């Protein structure tokens, strides 16, 4: 389950679109198209891993959208890519699946937002990327983390979709620079994240002015794989409606535990 560390946030002066000096990405080696490829970068002074899928029909000279997928507890970056790759192949967008440092949960600041930024920038060094169309999708533990990271970096990610947990830090919503759009799908019989809690999260975001699309699957529980094709298709259709109006802006934070 997702547990976000209690953080004291101090916004530094200025904004940047590039990795800082302590978070440089190593070059990505060219790999065969249509394969899920494990990549390693340096982020925050650590060697970190993510998985990359580039469909065969992604044009080398035409910028493509990127969907960053945040895995559930006990999974890794391949978990969601395997369930998204058929759709990505049909539509011609890229997928990146980062590994949380501890695969049982996502934690800030070790897993983001800087690590997620570094993954995106690493992909951009080797592939034509539409930087105004970088999206987040999360399931279970990855869902709550995707929501919180997109609130912190609402001018960097264009939109966010998730399945299951709809949890967010109120202070993150309050400092969000942009009302980033969300799309959520939940199982009415989710035994881990009750639908009542998910609805409360939805209502909390809406009350703060964030546009939220909402879908409930009757009879569905926490299991994502059974309905993955429909969930992913709905998320992609939602993503296609949204892009940043200007070039992405990344906010630098100083985090203290």
C-alpha atoms as a PDB file:
ATOM      1  CA  UNK A   1       0.000   0.000   0.000  1.00  0.00           C
ATOM      2  CA  UNK A   2       0.992   3.568  -0.593  1.00  0.00           C
ATOM      3  CA  UNK A   3       2.450   5.559   2.211  1.00  0.00           C
ATOM      4  CA  UNK A   4       3.791   9.003   1.296  1.00  0.00           C
ATOM      5  CA  UNK A   5       6.436  10.294   3.695  1.00  0.00           C
ATOM      6  CA  UNK A   6       5.433  13.329   5.744  1.00  0.00           C
ATOM      7  CA  UNK A   7       7.440  16.100   4.064  1.00  0.00           C
ATOM      8  CA  UNK A   8       8.228  19.700   4.848  1.00  0.00           C
ATOM      9  CA  UNK A   9       8.404  21.459   1.503  1.00  0.00           C
ATOM     10  CA  UNK A  10      10.435  24.566   0.742  1.00  0.00           C
ATOM     11  CA  UNK A  11      10.080  25.872  -2.799  1.00  0.00           C
ATOM     12  CA  UNK A  12      13.394  27.089  -4.179  1.00  0.00           C
ATOM     13  CA  UNK A  13      13.693  30.151  -6.340  1.00  0.00           C
ATOM     14  CA  UNK A  14      13.299  29.647 -10.066  1.00  0.00           C
ATOM     15  CA  UNK A  15      12.250  26.723 -12.212  1.00  0.00           C
ATOM     16  CA  UNK A  16      14.108  24.420 -14.552  1.00  0.00           C
ATOM     17  CA  UNK A  17      13.303  21.914 -17.274  1.00  0.00           C
ATOM     18  CA  UNK A  18      16.587  20.012 -17.037  1.00  0.00           C
ATOM     19  CA  UNK A  19      18.025  17.472 -14.563  1.00  0.00           C
ATOM     20  CA  UNK A  20      20.198  19.162 -11.954  1.00  0.00           C
ATOM     21  CA  UNK A  21      23.850  18.405 -11.509  1.00  0.00           C
ATOM     22  CA  UNK A  22      23.294  15.634  -8.979  1.00  0.00           C
ATOM     23  CA  UNK A  23      20.696  13.894 -11.132  1.00  0.00           C
ATOM     24  CA  UNK A  24      22.228  13.334 -14.536  1.00  0.00           C
ATOM     25  CA  UNK A  25      20.927  10.689 -16.889  1.00  0.00           C
ATOM     26  CA  UNK A  26      23.280   8.242 -18.579  1.00  0.00           C
ATOM     27  CA  UNK A  27      22.831   7.832 -22.346  1.00  0.00           C
ATOM     28  CA  UNK A  28      20.323   5.176 -23.364  1.00  0.00           C
ATOM     29  CA  UNK A  29      21.672   2.622 -25.815  1.00  0.00           C
ATOM     30  CA  UNK A  30      19.658   2.033 -28.971  1.00  0.00           C
ATOM     31  CA  UNK A  31      17.452  -1.046 -28.620  1.00  0.00           C
ATOM     32  CA  UNK A  32      15.219  -3.051 -30.964  1.00  0.00           C
ATOM     33  CA  UNK A  33      11.763  -1.553 -31.409  1.00  0.00           C
ATOM     34  CA  UNK A  34       8.730  -3.233 -29.858  1.00  0.00           C
ATOM     35  CA  UNK A  35      10.738  -4.764 -27.009  1.00  0.00           C
ATOM     36  CA  UNK A  36      10.492  -3.895 -23.340  1.00  0.00           C
ATOM     37  CA  UNK A  37      14.027  -2.802 -22.514  1.00  0.00           C
ATOM     38  CA  UNK A  38      15.531  -2.380 -19.070  1.00  0.00           C
ATOM     39  CA  UNK A  39      17.387   0.929 -18.653  1.00  0.00           C
ATOM     40  CA  UNK A  40      19.649   2.309 -15.935  1.00  0.00           C
ATOM     41  CA  UNK A  41      20.165   5.967 -15.090  1.00  0.00           C
ATOM     42  CA  UNK A  42      21.805   7.912 -12.283  1.00  0.00           C
ATOM     43  CA  UNK A  43      19.288   9.891 -10.252  1.00  0.00           C
ATOM     44  CA  UNK A  44      19.837  11.461  -6.853  1.00  0.00           C
ATOM     45  CA  UNK A  45      23.271   9.839  -6.647  1.00  0.00           C
ATOM     46  CA  UNK A  46      21.830   6.324  -7.076  1.00  0.00           C
ATOM     47  CA  UNK A  47      21.679   3.862  -9.933  1.00  0.00           C
ATOM     48  CA  UNK A  48      18.004   3.571 -10.764  1.00  0.00           C
ATOM     49  CA  UNK A  49      16.086   1.309 -13.113  1.00  0.00           C
ATOM     50  CA  UNK A  50      13.170   1.817 -15.464  1.00  0.00           C
ATOM     51  CA  UNK A  51      11.707  -0.104 -18.376  1.00  0.00           C
ATOM     52  CA  UNK A  52      11.060   1.418 -21.785  1.00  0.00           C
ATOM     53  CA  UNK A  53       8.736   0.372 -24.591  1.00  0.00           C
ATOM     54  CA  UNK A  54       9.014   2.038 -27.998  1.00  0.00           C
ATOM     55  CA  UNK A  55       6.454   0.707 -30.507  1.00  0.00           C
ATOM     56  CA  UNK A  56       7.600  -0.107 -33.998  1.00  0.00           C
ATOM     57  CA  UNK A  57       5.272   2.514 -35.490  1.00  0.00           C
ATOM     58  CA  UNK A  58       6.681   5.380 -33.402  1.00  0.00           C
ATOM     59  CA  UNK A  59       8.217   7.727 -35.974  1.00  0.00           C
ATOM     60  CA  UNK A  60      11.847   8.605 -35.265  1.00  0.00           C
ATOM     61  CA  UNK A  61      11.381  12.174 -36.500  1.00  0.00           C
ATOM     62  CA  UNK A  62       7.917  12.905 -35.110  1.00  0.00           C
ATOM     63  CA  UNK A  63       7.488  13.666 -31.401  1.00  0.00           C
ATOM     64  CA  UNK A  64       5.403  11.020 -29.650  1.00  0.00           C
ATOM     65  CA  UNK A  65       3.490  11.137 -26.356  1.00  0.00           C
ATOM     66  CA  UNK A  66       4.895   9.324 -23.322  1.00  0.00           C
ATOM     67  CA  UNK A  67       2.918   7.564 -20.585  1.00  0.00           C
ATOM     68  CA  UNK A  68       4.844   6.999 -17.346  1.00  0.00           C
ATOM     69  CA  UNK A  69       3.427   3.973 -15.507  1.00  0.00           C
ATOM     70  CA  UNK A  70       3.717   3.552 -11.726  1.00  0.00           C
ATOM     71  CA  UNK A  71       3.483  -0.071 -10.611  1.00  0.00           C
ATOM     72  CA  UNK A  72       1.600  -1.569  -7.629  1.00  0.00           C
ATOM     73  CA  UNK A  73       3.223  -2.937  -4.472  1.00  0.00           C
ATOM     74  CA  UNK A  74       5.364  -5.965  -5.213  1.00  0.00           C
ATOM     75  CA  UNK A  75       5.555  -5.167  -8.910  1.00  0.00           C
ATOM     76  CA  UNK A  76       8.168  -3.515 -11.066  1.00  0.00           C
ATOM     77  CA  UNK A  77       8.255  -1.265 -14.102  1.00  0.00           C
ATOM     78  CA  UNK A  78       7.349  -4.088 -16.465  1.00  0.00           C
ATOM     79  CA  UNK A  79       4.083  -4.903 -14.704  1.00  0.00           C
ATOM     80  CA  UNK A  80       1.997  -2.155 -16.282  1.00  0.00           C
ATOM     81  CA  UNK A  81       3.960  -1.918 -19.533  1.00  0.00           C
ATOM     82  CA  UNK A  82       2.993  -5.509 -20.371  1.00  0.00           C
ATOM     83  CA  UNK A  83      -0.661  -4.523 -19.997  1.00  0.00           C
ATOM     84  CA  UNK A  84      -0.288  -1.292 -21.981  1.00  0.00           C
ATOM     85  CA  UNK A  85       2.012  -2.303 -24.840  1.00  0.00           C
ATOM     86  CA  UNK A  86      -0.676  -3.536 -27.253  1.00  0.00           C
ATOM     87  CA  UNK A  87      -2.502  -0.211 -26.980  1.00  0.00           C
ATOM     88  CA  UNK A  88       0.769   1.733 -27.283  1.00  0.00           C
ATOM     89  CA  UNK A  89       1.644  -0.252 -30.408  1.00  0.00           C
ATOM     90  CA  UNK A  90      -1.688   0.561 -32.028  1.00  0.00           C
ATOM     91  CA  UNK A  91      -1.582   4.249 -31.118  1.00  0.00           C
ATOM     92  CA  UNK A  92       2.144   4.934 -31.463  1.00  0.00           C
ATOM     93  CA  UNK A  93       3.017   6.314 -28.020  1.00  0.00           C
ATOM     94  CA  UNK A  94       5.924   5.443 -25.706  1.00  0.00           C
ATOM     95  CA  UNK A  95       5.791   3.791 -22.291  1.00  0.00           C
ATOM     96  CA  UNK A  96       8.183   4.143 -19.359  1.00  0.00           C
ATOM     97  CA  UNK A  97       7.856   2.048 -16.211  1.00  0.00           C
ATOM     98  CA  UNK A  98      10.139   3.150 -13.351  1.00  0.00           C
ATOM     99  CA  UNK A  99      11.019   0.845 -10.450  1.00  0.00           C
ATOM    100  CA  UNK A 100      10.360   2.185  -6.968  1.00  0.00           C
ATOM    101  CA  UNK A 101      13.483   1.955  -4.819  1.00  0.00           C
ATOM    102  CA  UNK A 102      11.551  -0.399  -2.543  1.00  0.00           C
ATOM    103  CA  UNK A 103       9.130  -2.233  -4.817  1.00  0.00           C
ATOM    104  CA  UNK A 104       6.675  -2.669  -1.925  1.00  0.00           C
ATOM    105  CA  UNK A 105       5.841   1.031  -1.938  1.00  0.00           C
ATOM    106  CA  UNK A 106       6.562   4.413  -3.510  1.00  0.00           C
ATOM    107  CA  UNK A 107       8.166   7.061  -1.300  1.00  0.00           C
ATOM    108  CA  UNK A 108       8.931  10.747  -1.696  1.00  0.00           C
ATOM    109  CA  UNK A 109      11.443  12.165  -2.211  1.00  0.00           C
ATOM    110  CA  UNK A 110      13.487   9.077  -3.156  1.00  0.00           C
ATOM    111  CA  UNK A 111      11.064   7.976  -5.909  1.00  0.00           C
ATOM    112  CA  UNK A 112       9.883  11.364  -7.067  1.00  0.00           C
ATOM    113  CA  UNK A 113       9.298  13.834  -8.276  1.00  0.00           C
ATOM    114  CA  UNK A 114      12.956  14.197  -9.344  1.00  0.00           C
ATOM    115  CA  UNK A 115      13.397  10.521 -10.266  1.00  0.00           C
ATOM    116  CA  UNK A 116      10.309  10.625 -12.483  1.00  0.00           C
ATOM    117  CA  UNK A 117      11.615  13.783 -14.150  1.00  0.00           C
ATOM    118  CA  UNK A 118      14.968  12.095 -14.727  1.00  0.00           C
ATOM    119  CA  UNK A 119      13.265   9.120 -16.383  1.00  0.00           C
ATOM    120  CA  UNK A 120      11.373  11.418 -18.761  1.00  0.00           C
ATOM    121  CA  UNK A 121      14.495  13.401 -19.606  1.00  0.00           C
ATOM    122  CA  UNK A 122      16.477  10.195 -20.181  1.00  0.00           C
ATOM    123  CA  UNK A 123      13.891   8.990 -22.683  1.00  0.00           C
ATOM    124  CA  UNK A 124      14.006  12.375 -24.387  1.00  0.00           C
ATOM    125  CA  UNK A 125      17.748  12.079 -25.022  1.00  0.00           C
ATOM    126  CA  UNK A 126      17.197   9.148 -27.391  1.00  0.00           C
ATOM    127  CA  UNK A 127      13.660   9.503 -28.714  1.00  0.00           C
ATOM    128  CA  UNK A 128      11.531  12.235 -30.247  1.00  0.00           C
ATOM    129  CA  UNK A 129       9.234  13.092 -27.367  1.00  0.00           C
ATOM    130  CA  UNK A 130       6.255  15.426 -27.335  1.00  0.00           C
ATOM    131  CA  UNK A 131       7.092  17.157 -24.067  1.00  0.00           C
ATOM    132  CA  UNK A 132       3.655  18.740 -23.798  1.00  0.00           C
ATOM    133  CA  UNK A 133       2.113  15.252 -23.809  1.00  0.00           C
ATOM    134  CA  UNK A 134       3.781  13.410 -20.927  1.00  0.00           C
ATOM    135  CA  UNK A 135       1.237  11.613 -18.755  1.00  0.00           C
ATOM    136  CA  UNK A 136       1.138   9.633 -15.514  1.00  0.00           C
ATOM    137  CA  UNK A 137      -0.829   6.450 -14.844  1.00  0.00           C
ATOM    138  CA  UNK A 138      -0.769   4.474 -11.610  1.00  0.00           C
ATOM    139  CA  UNK A 139      -2.380   1.412 -10.113  1.00  0.00           C
ATOM    140  CA  UNK A 140      -2.811   0.741  -6.376  1.00  0.00           C
ATOM    141  CA  UNK A 141       0.298   2.053  -4.580  1.00  0.00           C
ATOM    142  CA  UNK A 142       1.322   3.669  -7.858  1.00  0.00           C
ATOM    143  CA  UNK A 143      -2.045   5.399  -8.101  1.00  0.00           C
ATOM    144  CA  UNK A 144      -1.716   7.537  -4.993  1.00  0.00           C
ATOM    145  CA  UNK A 145       1.885   8.355  -5.833  1.00  0.00           C
ATOM    146  CA  UNK A 146       0.965   9.387  -9.375  1.00  0.00           C
ATOM    147  CA  UNK A 147      -1.692  11.745  -8.027  1.00  0.00           C
ATOM    148  CA  UNK A 148       0.636  13.382  -5.505  1.00  0.00           C
ATOM    149  CA  UNK A 149       3.532  13.717  -7.944  1.00  0.00           C
ATOM    150  CA  UNK A 150       1.304  15.300 -10.571  1.00  0.00           C
ATOM    151  CA  UNK A 151       0.082  17.817  -8.011  1.00  0.00           C
ATOM    152  CA  UNK A 152       3.677  18.756  -7.213  1.00  0.00           C
ATOM    153  CA  UNK A 153       4.570  18.899 -10.928  1.00  0.00           C
ATOM    154  CA  UNK A 154       1.296  20.067 -12.450  1.00  0.00           C
ATOM    155  CA  UNK A 155       3.118  22.124 -15.100  1.00  0.00           C
ATOM    156  CA  UNK A 156       5.368  19.230 -16.127  1.00  0.00           C
ATOM    157  CA  UNK A 157       2.846  16.408 -16.555  1.00  0.00           C
ATOM    158  CA  UNK A 158      -0.115  17.078 -18.838  1.00  0.00           C
ATOM    159  CA  UNK A 159      -2.680  14.816 -17.148  1.00  0.00           C
ATOM    160  CA  UNK A 160      -2.967  11.853 -14.768  1.00  0.00           C
ATOM    161  CA  UNK A 161      -5.117   8.731 -14.704  1.00  0.00           C
ATOM    162  CA  UNK A 162      -5.301   5.983 -12.100  1.00  0.00           C
ATOM    163  CA  UNK A 163      -7.031   2.805 -11.003  1.00  0.00           C
ATOM    164  CA  UNK A 164      -7.869   2.014  -7.347  1.00  0.00           C
ATOM    165  CA  UNK A 165      -6.447   4.334  -4.658  1.00  0.00           C
ATOM    166  CA  UNK A 166      -7.553   7.977  -4.927  1.00  0.00           C
ATOM    167  CA  UNK A 167      -5.478   9.509  -2.144  1.00  0.00           C
ATOM    168  CA  UNK A 168      -3.669  12.816  -2.094  1.00  0.00           C
ATOM    169  CA  UNK A 169      -1.896  15.200   0.237  1.00  0.00           C
ATOM    170  CA  UNK A 170      -3.993  18.308   0.824  1.00  0.00           C
ATOM    171  CA  UNK A 171      -0.905  20.507   1.051  1.00  0.00           C
ATOM    172  CA  UNK A 172       0.218  19.294  -2.372  1.00  0.00           C
ATOM    173  CA  UNK A 173      -3.151  20.226  -3.878  1.00  0.00           C
ATOM    174  CA  UNK A 174      -2.897  23.658  -2.293  1.00  0.00           C
ATOM    175  CA  UNK A 175       0.479  24.444  -3.875  1.00  0.00           C
ATOM    176  CA  UNK A 176      -0.270  22.992  -7.316  1.00  0.00           C
ATOM    177  CA  UNK A 177       0.525  25.650  -9.911  1.00  0.00           C
ATOM    178  CA  UNK A 178      -2.015  24.288 -12.406  1.00  0.00           C
ATOM    179  CA  UNK A 179      -5.339  22.503 -12.098  1.00  0.00           C
ATOM    180  CA  UNK A 180      -4.053  19.338 -13.721  1.00  0.00           C
ATOM    181  CA  UNK A 181      -6.871  17.107 -15.048  1.00  0.00           C
ATOM    182  CA  UNK A 182      -7.482  13.643 -13.606  1.00  0.00           C
ATOM    183  CA  UNK A 183      -9.326  10.521 -14.723  1.00  0.00           C
ATOM    184  CA  UNK A 184     -10.071   7.774 -12.200  1.00  0.00           C
ATOM    185  CA  UNK A 185     -11.527   4.299 -12.511  1.00  0.00           C
ATOM    186  CA  UNK A 186     -12.394   2.278  -9.422  1.00  0.00           C
ATOM    187  CA  UNK A 187     -13.861  -1.106  -8.654  1.00  0.00           C
ATOM    188  CA  UNK A 188     -17.026  -0.827  -6.580  1.00  0.00           C
ATOM    189  CA  UNK A 189     -16.024  -3.944  -4.614  1.00  0.00           C
ATOM    190  CA  UNK A 190     -12.367  -3.032  -4.097  1.00  0.00           C
ATOM    191  CA  UNK A 191     -11.404  -4.821  -0.888  1.00  0.00           C
ATOM    192  CA  UNK A 192      -8.191  -2.848  -0.319  1.00  0.00           C
ATOM    193  CA  UNK A 193      -9.250   0.703  -1.177  1.00  0.00           C
ATOM    194  CA  UNK A 194     -12.979   1.011  -0.390  1.00  0.00           C
ATOM    195  CA  UNK A 195     -15.015   2.859  -2.993  1.00  0.00           C
ATOM    196  CA  UNK A 196     -16.304   5.276  -0.324  1.00  0.00           C
ATOM    197  CA  UNK A 197     -12.728   6.418   0.338  1.00  0.00           C
ATOM    198  CA  UNK A 198     -12.086   6.770  -3.379  1.00  0.00           C
ATOM    199  CA  UNK A 199     -15.201   8.896  -3.810  1.00  0.00           C
ATOM    200  CA  UNK A 200     -14.045  11.107  -0.936  1.00  0.00           C
ATOM    201  CA  UNK A 201     -10.697  11.607  -2.698  1.00  0.00           C
ATOM    202  CA  UNK A 202     -12.493  12.467  -5.925  1.00  0.00           C
ATOM    203  CA  UNK A 203     -14.722  14.977  -4.148  1.00  0.00           C
ATOM    204  CA  UNK A 204     -11.732  16.513  -2.382  1.00  0.00           C
ATOM    205  CA  UNK A 205      -9.956  17.189  -5.663  1.00  0.00           C
ATOM    206  CA  UNK A 206     -13.091  18.551  -7.295  1.00  0.00           C
ATOM    207  CA  UNK A 207     -13.716  20.836  -4.334  1.00  0.00           C
ATOM    208  CA  UNK A 208     -10.272  22.325  -4.920  1.00  0.00           C
ATOM    209  CA  UNK A 209     -11.021  23.034  -8.567  1.00  0.00           C
ATOM    210  CA  UNK A 210      -9.322  20.072 -10.240  1.00  0.00           C
ATOM    211  CA  UNK A 211     -11.240  18.579 -13.183  1.00  0.00           C
ATOM    212  CA  UNK A 212     -11.911  14.901 -12.446  1.00  0.00           C
ATOM    213  CA  UNK A 213     -13.409  12.298 -14.771  1.00  0.00           C
ATOM    214  CA  UNK A 214     -14.874   9.364 -12.862  1.00  0.00           C
ATOM    215  CA  UNK A 215     -15.873   5.795 -13.674  1.00  0.00           C
ATOM    216  CA  UNK A 216     -16.943   2.953 -11.392  1.00  0.00           C
ATOM    217  CA  UNK A 217     -16.889  -0.694 -12.493  1.00  0.00           C
ATOM    218  CA  UNK A 218     -19.745  -2.593 -10.901  1.00  0.00           C
ATOM    219  CA  UNK A 219     -18.685  -5.962  -9.516  1.00  0.00           C
ATOM    220  CA  UNK A 220     -14.966  -5.232  -9.890  1.00  0.00           C
ATOM    221  CA  UNK A 221     -12.569  -5.460  -6.970  1.00  0.00           C
ATOM    222  CA  UNK A 222      -8.943  -4.459  -6.616  1.00  0.00           C
ATOM    223  CA  UNK A 223      -7.906  -6.702  -9.505  1.00  0.00           C
ATOM    224  CA  UNK A 224      -6.674  -4.524 -12.359  1.00  0.00           C
ATOM    225  CA  UNK A 225      -5.536  -7.150 -14.853  1.00  0.00           C
ATOM    226  CA  UNK A 226      -9.052  -8.458 -15.546  1.00  0.00           C
ATOM    227  CA  UNK A 227     -10.242  -5.062 -16.773  1.00  0.00           C
ATOM    228  CA  UNK A 228      -6.878  -3.669 -17.899  1.00  0.00           C
ATOM    229  CA  UNK A 229      -7.775  -3.327 -21.592  1.00  0.00           C
ATOM    230  CA  UNK A 230     -10.874  -1.234 -20.879  1.00  0.00           C
ATOM    231  CA  UNK A 231      -9.183   0.803 -18.127  1.00  0.00           C
ATOM    232  CA  UNK A 232      -6.180   1.593 -20.313  1.00  0.00           C
ATOM    233  CA  UNK A 233      -8.299   2.478 -23.346  1.00  0.00           C
ATOM    234  CA  UNK A 234     -10.349   4.915 -21.281  1.00  0.00           C
ATOM    235  CA  UNK A 235      -7.178   6.461 -19.841  1.00  0.00           C
ATOM    236  CA  UNK A 236      -5.647   6.895 -23.288  1.00  0.00           C
ATOM    237  CA  UNK A 237      -8.819   8.510 -24.669  1.00  0.00           C
ATOM    238  CA  UNK A 238      -8.686  10.887 -21.716  1.00  0.00           C
ATOM    239  CA  UNK A 239      -5.000  11.644 -22.289  1.00  0.00           C
ATOM    240  CA  UNK A 240      -5.663  12.474 -25.933  1.00  0.00           C
ATOM    241  CA  UNK A 241      -7.880  15.345 -24.802  1.00  0.00           C
ATOM    242  CA  UNK A 242      -5.135  17.044 -22.802  1.00  0.00           C
ATOM    243  CA  UNK A 243      -1.764  18.608 -23.426  1.00  0.00           C
ATOM    244  CA  UNK A 244       0.185  21.439 -21.860  1.00  0.00           C
ATOM    245  CA  UNK A 245      -0.533  24.833 -23.391  1.00  0.00           C
ATOM    246  CA  UNK A 246       3.128  25.860 -23.066  1.00  0.00           C
ATOM    247  CA  UNK A 247       6.461  24.094 -22.726  1.00  0.00           C
ATOM    248  CA  UNK A 248       6.667  22.082 -19.484  1.00  0.00           C
ATOM    249  CA  UNK A 249       8.000  23.739 -16.366  1.00  0.00           C
ATOM    250  CA  UNK A 250       9.620  21.677 -13.609  1.00  0.00           C
ATOM    251  CA  UNK A 251       9.549  22.930 -10.018  1.00  0.00           C
ATOM    252  CA  UNK A 252      12.528  22.260  -7.796  1.00  0.00           C
ATOM    253  CA  UNK A 253      11.726  21.454  -4.180  1.00  0.00           C
ATOM    254  CA  UNK A 254      13.883  20.914  -1.142  1.00  0.00           C
ATOM    255  CA  UNK A 255      12.599  17.941   0.811  1.00  0.00           C
ATOM    256  CA  UNK A 256      13.228  17.195   4.454  1.00  0.00           C
ATOM    257  CA  UNK A 257      11.996  14.096   6.240  1.00  0.00           C
END
